[in-house]
Amino acid sequence: MNNPTSETTQSRYRLVEYNEATPEVKAIYDDAMQSLQLPFVLNWFKCQGNNATLLRGNWSKLKSTLIEGQVPNVLKQLIIYNVSNLRGCDYCAQAHGIFADSMSAMISGENGYRATNLESSLLPGSYKTAIRLVTKAALYTQQLSDEDFEELQKEGFTDAEVQELMSQADLVNMLNTIATISGIKLDNELAEAEF
């Protein structure tokens, strides 16, 4: 059985390039590129480009859950990176790992530090706790307990931040499902990007 995200697999959905997208899809692409501060459209969006209704809804959820809010984006990226690795979603693990590493300086200015080194002593304990517990929420939802929520509060997260963190569990499962089902590969532009 082939891994749907392997290098040899083509996307199961046609990737709709910017220049062939409808005006409605182009507007979503433009908003995504601006919000993500990227000069290109990610394959995750392009594989949904032939269905503006789904793309608009999925982008709205992604934007409001990952990009907006009070929790630092680097922490959200690390959560998605960790869950994606554990779920075996190569596309999301690679993409969100690149995004997280591009924000490493938000955690430490130490030369060579990479945010995706989740065992690093430079990664704040509150981040490690959030990554561990939101990963648990994403992978083992039924095992989440009141104590887990209390642990996040003890780490200094407000009720609103805890809710925002837990929403990453739902978001990463959506991101992983779309990426894995579609069979997309990591964007060449993202793999070659220097942040």
Protein backbone atom coordinates (compact mmCIF):
# COMPACT_ATOMS: atom_id res chain seq x y z
CA MET A 1 0.00 0.00 0.00
CA ASN A 2 1.46 3.35 -1.02
CA ASN A 3 1.82 6.26 1.37
CA PRO A 4 -0.43 8.99 -0.10
CA THR A 5 2.09 11.70 0.76
CA SER A 6 5.14 10.00 -0.73
CA GLU A 7 7.23 11.76 -3.34
CA THR A 8 5.97 9.50 -6.13
CA THR A 9 2.25 10.11 -5.54
CA GLN A 10 0.42 12.80 -7.48
CA SER A 11 -2.25 14.86 -5.75
CA ARG A 12 -5.63 13.15 -5.87
CA TYR A 13 -7.25 16.52 -6.49
CA ARG A 14 -6.22 18.87 -9.26
CA LEU A 15 -4.06 21.67 -7.92
CA VAL A 16 -5.66 24.91 -9.09
CA GLU A 17 -2.92 27.43 -9.79
CA TYR A 18 -3.48 31.11 -9.10
CA ASN A 19 -3.64 32.10 -12.78
CA GLU A 20 -6.40 29.55 -13.51
CA ALA A 21 -8.49 30.16 -10.38
CA THR A 22 -11.91 31.79 -10.43
CA PRO A 23 -12.13 35.35 -9.07
CA GLU A 24 -13.67 34.02 -5.83
CA VAL A 25 -10.85 31.50 -5.33
CA LYS A 26 -8.22 34.13 -6.26
CA ALA A 27 -9.60 36.38 -3.50
CA ILE A 28 -9.16 33.54 -0.98
CA TYR A 29 -5.66 32.82 -2.29
CA ASP A 30 -4.80 36.54 -1.97
CA ASP A 31 -6.08 36.67 1.60
CA ALA A 32 -4.17 33.51 2.51
CA MET A 33 -0.90 34.76 1.00
CA GLN A 34 -1.26 38.11 2.76
CA SER A 35 -2.22 36.57 6.11
CA LEU A 36 0.54 33.93 5.96
CA GLN A 37 3.04 36.44 4.56
CA LEU A 38 3.89 34.15 1.66
CA PRO A 39 4.51 35.15 -1.98
CA PHE A 40 2.90 31.94 -3.26
CA VAL A 41 -0.19 29.78 -2.73
CA LEU A 42 0.35 26.64 -0.66
CA ASN A 43 -0.63 23.28 -2.15
CA TRP A 44 -3.04 22.84 0.78
CA PHE A 45 -5.13 25.67 -0.69
CA LYS A 46 -4.59 24.71 -4.33
CA CYS A 47 -5.94 21.20 -3.79
CA GLN A 48 -9.24 22.80 -2.72
CA GLY A 49 -9.21 25.47 -5.43
CA ASN A 50 -11.86 23.79 -7.55
CA ASN A 51 -14.44 24.14 -4.76
CA ALA A 52 -14.71 27.74 -3.58
CA THR A 53 -17.33 26.92 -0.95
CA LEU A 54 -15.16 24.37 0.84
CA LEU A 55 -12.01 26.44 0.43
CA ARG A 56 -13.69 29.54 1.89
CA GLY A 57 -14.99 27.60 4.92
CA ASN A 58 -11.70 25.80 5.57
CA TRP A 59 -9.67 28.99 5.16
CA SER A 60 -11.99 30.87 7.51
CA LYS A 61 -11.51 28.18 10.17
CA LEU A 62 -7.75 28.05 9.62
CA LYS A 63 -7.37 31.83 9.73
CA SER A 64 -9.45 32.37 12.86
CA THR A 65 -7.98 29.41 14.73
CA LEU A 66 -4.30 29.51 13.76
CA ILE A 67 -3.49 33.07 12.76
CA GLU A 68 -5.78 35.16 14.94
CA GLY A 69 -6.11 35.08 18.71
CA GLN A 70 -4.04 35.57 21.86
CA VAL A 71 -1.85 32.46 21.88
CA PRO A 72 1.51 33.00 20.12
CA ASN A 73 1.46 31.67 16.57
CA VAL A 74 4.75 29.84 17.09
CA LEU A 75 3.15 27.73 19.84
CA LYS A 76 0.19 26.89 17.60
CA GLN A 77 2.58 25.94 14.79
CA LEU A 78 4.51 23.66 17.17
CA ILE A 79 1.30 21.93 18.24
CA ILE A 80 0.34 21.28 14.61
CA TYR A 81 3.88 20.14 13.84
CA ASN A 82 3.89 17.67 16.75
CA VAL A 83 0.45 16.19 16.12
CA SER A 84 1.13 15.94 12.38
CA ASN A 85 4.36 14.05 13.04
CA LEU A 86 2.58 11.61 15.33
CA ARG A 87 -0.31 11.14 12.88
CA GLY A 88 2.11 10.59 10.00
CA CYS A 89 0.94 13.58 7.96
CA ASP A 90 4.18 14.43 6.19
CA TYR A 91 2.85 17.51 4.42
CA CYS A 92 1.60 19.23 7.59
CA ALA A 93 4.59 18.13 9.69
CA GLN A 94 7.02 19.54 7.15
CA ALA A 95 5.10 22.74 6.39
CA HIS A 96 4.30 23.65 9.99
CA GLY A 97 7.79 22.65 11.07
CA ILE A 98 9.18 25.15 8.56
CA PHE A 99 6.78 27.84 9.79
CA ALA A 100 7.64 27.14 13.44
CA ASP A 101 11.38 27.16 12.79
CA SER A 102 11.03 30.47 10.93
CA MET A 103 9.74 31.90 14.24
CA SER A 104 12.45 30.38 16.46
CA ALA A 105 13.74 33.83 17.44
CA MET A 106 10.41 34.48 19.18
CA ILE A 107 11.48 31.82 21.69
CA SER A 108 15.26 32.19 21.83
CA GLY A 109 17.91 34.27 20.15
CA GLU A 110 20.49 31.53 20.62
CA ASN A 111 22.39 30.87 17.40
CA GLY A 112 21.20 27.70 15.67
CA TYR A 113 18.14 27.26 17.89
CA ARG A 114 15.23 25.55 16.14
CA ALA A 115 11.77 25.75 17.68
CA THR A 116 10.96 22.24 16.45
CA ASN A 117 13.49 20.81 18.91
CA LEU A 118 10.71 20.10 21.39
CA GLU A 119 13.14 18.66 23.95
CA SER A 120 15.24 21.82 24.09
CA SER A 121 15.68 23.46 27.49
CA LEU A 122 15.12 26.76 25.68
CA LEU A 123 11.49 25.87 24.94
CA PRO A 124 9.39 27.29 27.80
CA GLY A 125 7.77 24.78 30.14
CA SER A 126 4.36 26.30 29.44
CA TYR A 127 4.84 25.58 25.72
CA LYS A 128 5.87 21.99 26.44
CA THR A 129 2.78 21.51 28.60
CA ALA A 130 0.49 23.02 25.96
CA ILE A 131 2.02 20.90 23.19
CA ARG A 132 1.66 17.73 25.27
CA LEU A 133 -1.93 18.36 26.33
CA VAL A 134 -3.27 19.62 23.01
CA THR A 135 -1.60 16.65 21.32
CA LYS A 136 -3.47 14.45 23.78
CA ALA A 137 -6.70 16.28 22.91
CA ALA A 138 -6.11 15.73 19.19
CA LEU A 139 -5.11 12.08 19.36
CA TYR A 140 -6.86 10.76 22.48
CA THR A 141 -9.80 13.10 23.01
CA GLN A 142 -11.64 10.79 25.41
CA GLN A 143 -8.62 10.68 27.74
CA LEU A 144 -8.59 14.44 28.34
CA SER A 145 -9.38 15.27 31.98
CA ASP A 146 -10.22 18.25 34.16
CA GLU A 147 -6.70 17.96 35.54
CA ASP A 148 -5.31 18.63 32.07
CA PHE A 149 -7.21 21.92 31.91
CA GLU A 150 -6.07 22.80 35.42
CA GLU A 151 -2.47 22.10 34.42
CA LEU A 152 -2.75 24.60 31.56
CA GLN A 153 -4.20 27.19 33.93
CA LYS A 154 -1.34 26.59 36.38
CA GLU A 155 1.05 27.32 33.51
CA GLY A 156 -0.54 30.76 33.26
CA PHE A 157 -2.92 30.31 30.35
CA THR A 158 -6.22 32.18 30.72
CA ASP A 159 -9.56 30.47 30.12
CA ALA A 160 -9.74 32.09 26.66
CA GLU A 161 -6.21 30.92 25.84
CA VAL A 162 -6.98 27.37 26.99
CA GLN A 163 -10.00 27.31 24.70
CA GLU A 164 -7.89 28.69 21.86
CA LEU A 165 -5.21 26.08 22.49
CA MET A 166 -7.73 23.25 22.51
CA SER A 167 -9.19 24.48 19.23
CA GLN A 168 -5.81 23.58 17.68
CA ALA A 169 -6.67 19.91 18.29
CA ASP A 170 -9.67 20.20 16.00
CA LEU A 171 -7.80 22.34 13.47
CA VAL A 172 -4.83 19.99 13.13
CA ASN A 173 -7.11 17.03 12.54
CA MET A 174 -8.84 18.94 9.74
CA LEU A 175 -5.52 20.05 8.23
CA ASN A 176 -4.08 16.52 8.39
CA THR A 177 -7.19 14.92 6.94
CA ILE A 178 -7.31 17.24 3.92
CA ALA A 179 -3.56 16.96 3.28
CA THR A 180 -3.50 13.17 3.60
CA ILE A 181 -6.66 12.51 1.58
CA SER A 182 -5.54 14.82 -1.22
CA GLY A 183 -2.04 13.31 -1.37
CA ILE A 184 -0.32 16.69 -1.72
CA LYS A 185 3.44 17.02 -1.49
CA LEU A 186 5.40 19.78 0.22
CA ASP A 187 5.50 22.95 -1.86
CA ASN A 188 8.83 23.46 -3.62
CA GLU A 189 8.68 27.15 -2.71
CA LEU A 190 8.25 26.31 0.98
CA ALA A 191 11.01 23.71 0.97
CA GLU A 192 13.39 26.22 -0.59
CA ALA A 193 12.26 29.25 1.46
CA GLU A 194 14.75 31.02 3.66
CA PHE A 195 13.23 32.82 6.61
